[in-house]
């Protein structure tokens, strides 16, 4: 049972990380410079491309890397309102704070 919990915990962590990376990509200032390498985050350019793709893709059989899993994560995030959700409740407040911080620094 400990092994199952460990796999489940890694899955939760991966979903949290993907959501945070997509959140960053949606707001990253490097998008304004046509995806140049202004952002120091290693994953940023790939996540920006994924984020752009996700905005238009509705194909459940899409072969674009990480498309379907990312859409599933985002759908869960947007629909989930449970304070007991192990995936998103721990970071929901953190994302609100990140958004507020980003707005404060970009104005």
N, C-alpha and C. Protein backbone atom coordinates (compact mmCIF):
# COMPACT_ATOMS: atom_id res chain seq x y z
N UNK A 1 0.82 -1.19 0.00
CA UNK A 1 0.00 0.00 0.00
C UNK A 1 0.87 1.26 0.00
N UNK A 2 2.02 1.20 0.60
CA UNK A 2 2.94 2.33 0.60
C UNK A 2 3.43 2.63 -0.81
N UNK A 3 3.65 1.59 -1.61
CA UNK A 3 4.09 1.78 -2.99
C UNK A 3 3.01 2.47 -3.82
N UNK A 4 1.77 2.08 -3.60
CA UNK A 4 0.65 2.71 -4.32
C UNK A 4 0.54 4.18 -3.93
N UNK A 5 0.67 4.47 -2.64
CA UNK A 5 0.62 5.87 -2.18
C UNK A 5 1.76 6.68 -2.79
N UNK A 6 2.93 6.08 -2.89
CA UNK A 6 4.08 6.77 -3.46
C UNK A 6 3.83 7.13 -4.93
N UNK A 7 3.28 6.20 -5.69
CA UNK A 7 2.96 6.45 -7.10
C UNK A 7 1.90 7.55 -7.19
N UNK A 8 0.88 7.46 -6.34
CA UNK A 8 -0.18 8.46 -6.33
C UNK A 8 0.37 9.84 -5.97
N UNK A 9 1.24 9.91 -4.98
CA UNK A 9 1.85 11.18 -4.57
C UNK A 9 2.69 11.78 -5.70
N UNK A 10 3.42 10.94 -6.42
CA UNK A 10 4.22 11.42 -7.56
C UNK A 10 3.30 11.95 -8.67
N UNK A 11 2.18 11.29 -8.88
CA UNK A 11 1.22 11.73 -9.88
C UNK A 11 0.64 13.09 -9.50
N UNK A 12 0.31 13.26 -8.25
CA UNK A 12 -0.21 14.54 -7.77
C UNK A 12 0.83 15.63 -7.96
N UNK A 13 2.05 15.35 -7.58
CA UNK A 13 3.14 16.32 -7.71
C UNK A 13 3.35 16.71 -9.18
N UNK A 14 3.29 15.73 -10.08
CA UNK A 14 3.47 16.00 -11.51
C UNK A 14 2.35 16.90 -12.03
N UNK A 15 1.12 16.67 -11.58
CA UNK A 15 0.00 17.50 -12.01
C UNK A 15 0.16 18.93 -11.48
N UNK A 16 0.57 19.05 -10.24
CA UNK A 16 0.81 20.37 -9.65
C UNK A 16 1.88 21.11 -10.45
N UNK A 17 2.98 20.42 -10.74
CA UNK A 17 4.07 21.05 -11.48
C UNK A 17 3.63 21.48 -12.87
N UNK A 18 2.87 20.61 -13.56
CA UNK A 18 2.40 20.96 -14.90
C UNK A 18 1.50 22.19 -14.85
N UNK A 19 0.61 22.23 -13.88
CA UNK A 19 -0.28 23.38 -13.76
C UNK A 19 0.52 24.66 -13.51
N UNK A 20 1.49 24.59 -12.64
CA UNK A 20 2.31 25.77 -12.35
C UNK A 20 3.12 26.20 -13.57
N UNK A 21 3.64 25.24 -14.34
CA UNK A 21 4.39 25.59 -15.54
C UNK A 21 3.48 26.22 -16.60
N UNK A 22 2.28 25.68 -16.76
CA UNK A 22 1.33 26.26 -17.71
C UNK A 22 0.89 27.65 -17.26
N UNK A 23 0.72 27.81 -15.96
CA UNK A 23 0.36 29.12 -15.43
C UNK A 23 1.46 30.13 -15.76
N UNK A 24 2.70 29.73 -15.57
CA UNK A 24 3.81 30.61 -15.90
C UNK A 24 3.81 30.93 -17.40
N UNK A 25 3.64 29.91 -18.22
CA UNK A 25 3.65 30.10 -19.68
C UNK A 25 2.56 31.05 -20.14
N UNK A 26 1.40 30.97 -19.51
CA UNK A 26 0.29 31.84 -19.89
C UNK A 26 0.59 33.31 -19.61
N UNK A 27 1.47 33.56 -18.65
CA UNK A 27 1.74 34.93 -18.25
C UNK A 27 3.16 35.41 -18.55
N UNK A 28 4.01 34.56 -19.07
CA UNK A 28 5.42 34.91 -19.24
C UNK A 28 5.61 36.07 -20.21
N UNK A 29 6.44 36.99 -19.85
CA UNK A 29 6.69 38.16 -20.68
C UNK A 29 7.48 37.82 -21.94
N UNK A 30 8.11 36.65 -22.00
CA UNK A 30 8.86 36.29 -23.21
C UNK A 30 7.93 36.07 -24.40
N UNK A 31 6.62 35.83 -24.15
CA UNK A 31 5.66 35.71 -25.26
C UNK A 31 5.58 37.01 -26.04
N UNK A 32 5.74 38.11 -25.35
CA UNK A 32 5.65 39.42 -25.98
C UNK A 32 6.83 39.66 -26.93
N UNK A 33 7.91 38.94 -26.73
CA UNK A 33 9.10 39.12 -27.57
C UNK A 33 9.24 37.98 -28.56
N UNK A 34 8.11 37.40 -28.95
CA UNK A 34 8.07 36.34 -29.95
C UNK A 34 8.88 35.12 -29.53
N UNK A 35 8.71 34.69 -28.28
CA UNK A 35 9.30 33.47 -27.74
C UNK A 35 10.83 33.48 -27.74
N UNK A 36 11.42 34.64 -27.64
CA UNK A 36 12.88 34.66 -27.55
C UNK A 36 13.28 34.05 -26.21
N UNK A 37 14.54 33.89 -26.02
CA UNK A 37 15.01 33.21 -24.82
C UNK A 37 15.21 34.18 -23.66
N UNK A 38 14.31 35.12 -23.50
CA UNK A 38 14.42 36.06 -22.40
C UNK A 38 14.14 35.42 -21.05
N UNK A 39 13.28 34.43 -21.03
CA UNK A 39 12.93 33.78 -19.77
C UNK A 39 14.01 32.76 -19.41
N UNK A 40 14.41 32.77 -18.15
CA UNK A 40 15.47 31.87 -17.70
C UNK A 40 14.96 30.48 -17.35
N UNK A 41 13.66 30.29 -17.30
CA UNK A 41 13.13 28.98 -16.94
C UNK A 41 13.28 28.02 -18.11
N UNK A 42 13.91 26.90 -17.86
CA UNK A 42 14.27 25.94 -18.89
C UNK A 42 13.05 25.45 -19.66
N UNK A 43 11.96 25.23 -18.97
CA UNK A 43 10.76 24.67 -19.57
C UNK A 43 9.90 25.69 -20.30
N UNK A 44 10.17 26.97 -20.15
CA UNK A 44 9.24 28.01 -20.55
C UNK A 44 8.88 27.97 -22.04
N UNK A 45 9.83 27.92 -22.93
CA UNK A 45 9.49 27.98 -24.36
C UNK A 45 8.62 26.79 -24.77
N UNK A 46 8.90 25.61 -24.23
CA UNK A 46 8.07 24.44 -24.56
C UNK A 46 6.66 24.61 -23.99
N UNK A 47 6.55 25.14 -22.79
CA UNK A 47 5.24 25.33 -22.18
C UNK A 47 4.45 26.42 -22.88
N UNK A 48 5.12 27.45 -23.37
CA UNK A 48 4.42 28.50 -24.12
C UNK A 48 3.83 27.90 -25.40
N UNK A 49 4.61 27.07 -26.08
CA UNK A 49 4.10 26.42 -27.29
C UNK A 49 2.92 25.50 -26.95
N UNK A 50 3.04 24.75 -25.86
CA UNK A 50 1.95 23.88 -25.43
C UNK A 50 0.72 24.72 -25.07
N UNK A 51 0.91 25.80 -24.33
CA UNK A 51 -0.20 26.67 -23.95
C UNK A 51 -0.91 27.23 -25.19
N UNK A 52 -0.14 27.67 -26.17
CA UNK A 52 -0.72 28.18 -27.42
C UNK A 52 -1.52 27.10 -28.12
N UNK A 53 -0.97 25.90 -28.16
CA UNK A 53 -1.66 24.77 -28.78
C UNK A 53 -2.96 24.46 -28.04
N UNK A 54 -2.91 24.45 -26.72
CA UNK A 54 -4.07 24.10 -25.91
C UNK A 54 -5.24 25.06 -26.13
N UNK A 55 -4.93 26.29 -26.45
CA UNK A 55 -6.00 27.28 -26.64
C UNK A 55 -6.90 26.94 -27.81
N UNK A 56 -6.40 26.18 -28.78
CA UNK A 56 -7.19 25.86 -29.97
C UNK A 56 -7.58 24.39 -30.08
N UNK A 57 -6.85 23.51 -29.46
CA UNK A 57 -7.04 22.07 -29.67
C UNK A 57 -8.25 21.53 -28.90
N UNK A 58 -9.06 20.77 -29.60
CA UNK A 58 -10.20 20.08 -28.97
C UNK A 58 -10.19 18.60 -29.31
N UNK A 59 -9.10 18.12 -29.89
CA UNK A 59 -8.98 16.75 -30.38
C UNK A 59 -8.58 15.82 -29.23
N UNK A 60 -9.48 14.91 -28.86
CA UNK A 60 -9.18 13.96 -27.78
C UNK A 60 -8.14 12.93 -28.17
N UNK A 61 -7.80 12.85 -29.44
CA UNK A 61 -6.77 11.93 -29.91
C UNK A 61 -5.51 12.68 -30.33
N UNK A 62 -5.39 13.90 -29.91
CA UNK A 62 -4.27 14.75 -30.32
C UNK A 62 -2.94 14.10 -29.93
N UNK A 63 -1.99 14.18 -30.84
CA UNK A 63 -0.67 13.60 -30.61
C UNK A 63 0.37 14.64 -30.20
N UNK A 64 -0.02 15.90 -30.08
CA UNK A 64 0.89 16.94 -29.63
C UNK A 64 1.34 16.59 -28.21
N UNK A 65 2.64 16.60 -27.98
CA UNK A 65 3.18 16.15 -26.69
C UNK A 65 2.53 16.89 -25.52
N UNK A 66 1.98 16.11 -24.62
CA UNK A 66 1.37 16.58 -23.36
C UNK A 66 0.05 17.33 -23.54
N UNK A 67 -0.51 17.32 -24.73
CA UNK A 67 -1.76 18.04 -24.97
C UNK A 67 -2.91 17.47 -24.14
N UNK A 68 -3.21 16.20 -24.33
CA UNK A 68 -4.38 15.63 -23.68
C UNK A 68 -4.25 15.65 -22.15
N UNK A 69 -3.08 15.29 -21.65
CA UNK A 69 -2.90 15.28 -20.19
C UNK A 69 -3.00 16.70 -19.62
N UNK A 70 -2.48 17.67 -20.34
CA UNK A 70 -2.56 19.05 -19.87
C UNK A 70 -3.99 19.56 -19.89
N UNK A 71 -4.73 19.22 -20.93
CA UNK A 71 -6.14 19.63 -20.98
C UNK A 71 -6.93 18.98 -19.84
N UNK A 72 -6.61 17.74 -19.54
CA UNK A 72 -7.27 17.05 -18.42
C UNK A 72 -6.97 17.74 -17.10
N UNK A 73 -5.73 18.11 -16.90
CA UNK A 73 -5.33 18.81 -15.67
C UNK A 73 -6.04 20.15 -15.57
N UNK A 74 -6.06 20.90 -16.67
CA UNK A 74 -6.71 22.21 -16.66
C UNK A 74 -8.21 22.10 -16.45
N UNK A 75 -8.82 21.10 -17.06
CA UNK A 75 -10.26 20.89 -16.88
C UNK A 75 -10.57 20.58 -15.42
N UNK A 76 -9.78 19.69 -14.83
CA UNK A 76 -9.97 19.37 -13.41
C UNK A 76 -9.81 20.64 -12.57
N UNK A 77 -8.76 21.39 -12.84
CA UNK A 77 -8.49 22.61 -12.06
C UNK A 77 -9.66 23.58 -12.13
N UNK A 78 -10.19 23.80 -13.33
CA UNK A 78 -11.27 24.78 -13.50
C UNK A 78 -12.60 24.30 -12.93
N UNK A 79 -12.82 23.00 -12.93
CA UNK A 79 -14.10 22.47 -12.43
C UNK A 79 -14.07 22.13 -10.95
N UNK A 80 -12.91 21.88 -10.41
CA UNK A 80 -12.78 21.41 -9.04
C UNK A 80 -12.98 22.57 -8.05
N UNK A 81 -13.89 22.37 -7.13
CA UNK A 81 -14.09 23.38 -6.10
C UNK A 81 -13.96 22.79 -4.69
N UNK A 82 -13.38 21.61 -4.62
CA UNK A 82 -13.24 20.94 -3.34
C UNK A 82 -12.02 21.44 -2.58
N UNK A 83 -12.23 21.82 -1.36
CA UNK A 83 -11.11 22.21 -0.50
C UNK A 83 -10.29 20.99 -0.08
N UNK A 84 -10.83 19.80 -0.33
CA UNK A 84 -10.15 18.57 0.04
C UNK A 84 -9.37 17.96 -1.13
N UNK A 85 -9.42 18.59 -2.28
CA UNK A 85 -8.71 18.07 -3.46
C UNK A 85 -7.21 18.05 -3.20
N UNK A 86 -6.62 16.87 -3.25
CA UNK A 86 -5.18 16.73 -2.97
C UNK A 86 -4.33 17.29 -4.09
N UNK A 87 -4.91 17.44 -5.27
CA UNK A 87 -4.13 17.93 -6.40
C UNK A 87 -4.05 19.45 -6.40
N UNK A 88 -5.18 20.12 -6.26
CA UNK A 88 -5.19 21.56 -6.50
C UNK A 88 -5.41 22.45 -5.30
N UNK A 89 -6.04 21.97 -4.25
CA UNK A 89 -6.28 22.87 -3.12
C UNK A 89 -4.97 23.39 -2.50
N UNK A 90 -3.89 22.60 -2.45
CA UNK A 90 -2.66 23.14 -1.85
C UNK A 90 -2.02 24.26 -2.67
N UNK A 91 -2.29 24.29 -3.98
CA UNK A 91 -1.63 25.33 -4.78
C UNK A 91 -2.58 26.42 -5.24
N UNK A 92 -3.88 26.23 -5.07
CA UNK A 92 -4.84 27.23 -5.54
C UNK A 92 -4.54 28.61 -4.96
N UNK A 93 -4.30 28.69 -3.68
CA UNK A 93 -3.98 29.98 -3.06
C UNK A 93 -2.65 30.51 -3.56
N UNK A 94 -1.72 29.62 -3.79
CA UNK A 94 -0.42 30.02 -4.32
C UNK A 94 -0.53 30.64 -5.70
N UNK A 95 -1.40 30.09 -6.55
CA UNK A 95 -1.59 30.65 -7.89
C UNK A 95 -2.26 32.02 -7.83
N UNK A 96 -3.18 32.18 -6.92
CA UNK A 96 -3.81 33.49 -6.75
C UNK A 96 -2.75 34.51 -6.37
N UNK A 97 -1.88 34.14 -5.46
CA UNK A 97 -0.82 35.05 -5.04
C UNK A 97 0.14 35.32 -6.19
N UNK A 98 0.51 34.29 -6.96
CA UNK A 98 1.39 34.50 -8.12
C UNK A 98 0.76 35.46 -9.12
N UNK A 99 -0.53 35.31 -9.39
CA UNK A 99 -1.22 36.20 -10.32
C UNK A 99 -1.21 37.63 -9.81
N UNK A 100 -1.47 37.78 -8.53
CA UNK A 100 -1.46 39.12 -7.95
C UNK A 100 -0.07 39.74 -8.02
N UNK A 101 0.96 38.94 -7.72
CA UNK A 101 2.33 39.43 -7.78
C UNK A 101 2.72 39.81 -9.21
N UNK A 102 2.29 38.96 -10.18
CA UNK A 102 2.61 39.23 -11.58
C UNK A 102 1.95 40.51 -12.05
N UNK A 103 0.70 40.72 -11.68
CA UNK A 103 -0.01 41.94 -12.06
C UNK A 103 0.66 43.16 -11.44
N UNK A 104 1.10 43.03 -10.21
CA UNK A 104 1.75 44.15 -9.53
C UNK A 104 3.08 44.51 -10.17
N UNK A 105 3.82 43.54 -10.66
CA UNK A 105 5.12 43.81 -11.26
C UNK A 105 5.04 44.18 -12.74
N UNK A 106 3.93 43.86 -13.41
CA UNK A 106 3.83 44.15 -14.84
C UNK A 106 3.11 45.46 -15.12
N UNK A 107 2.68 46.18 -14.09
CA UNK A 107 2.01 47.46 -14.31
C UNK A 107 2.92 48.61 -13.98
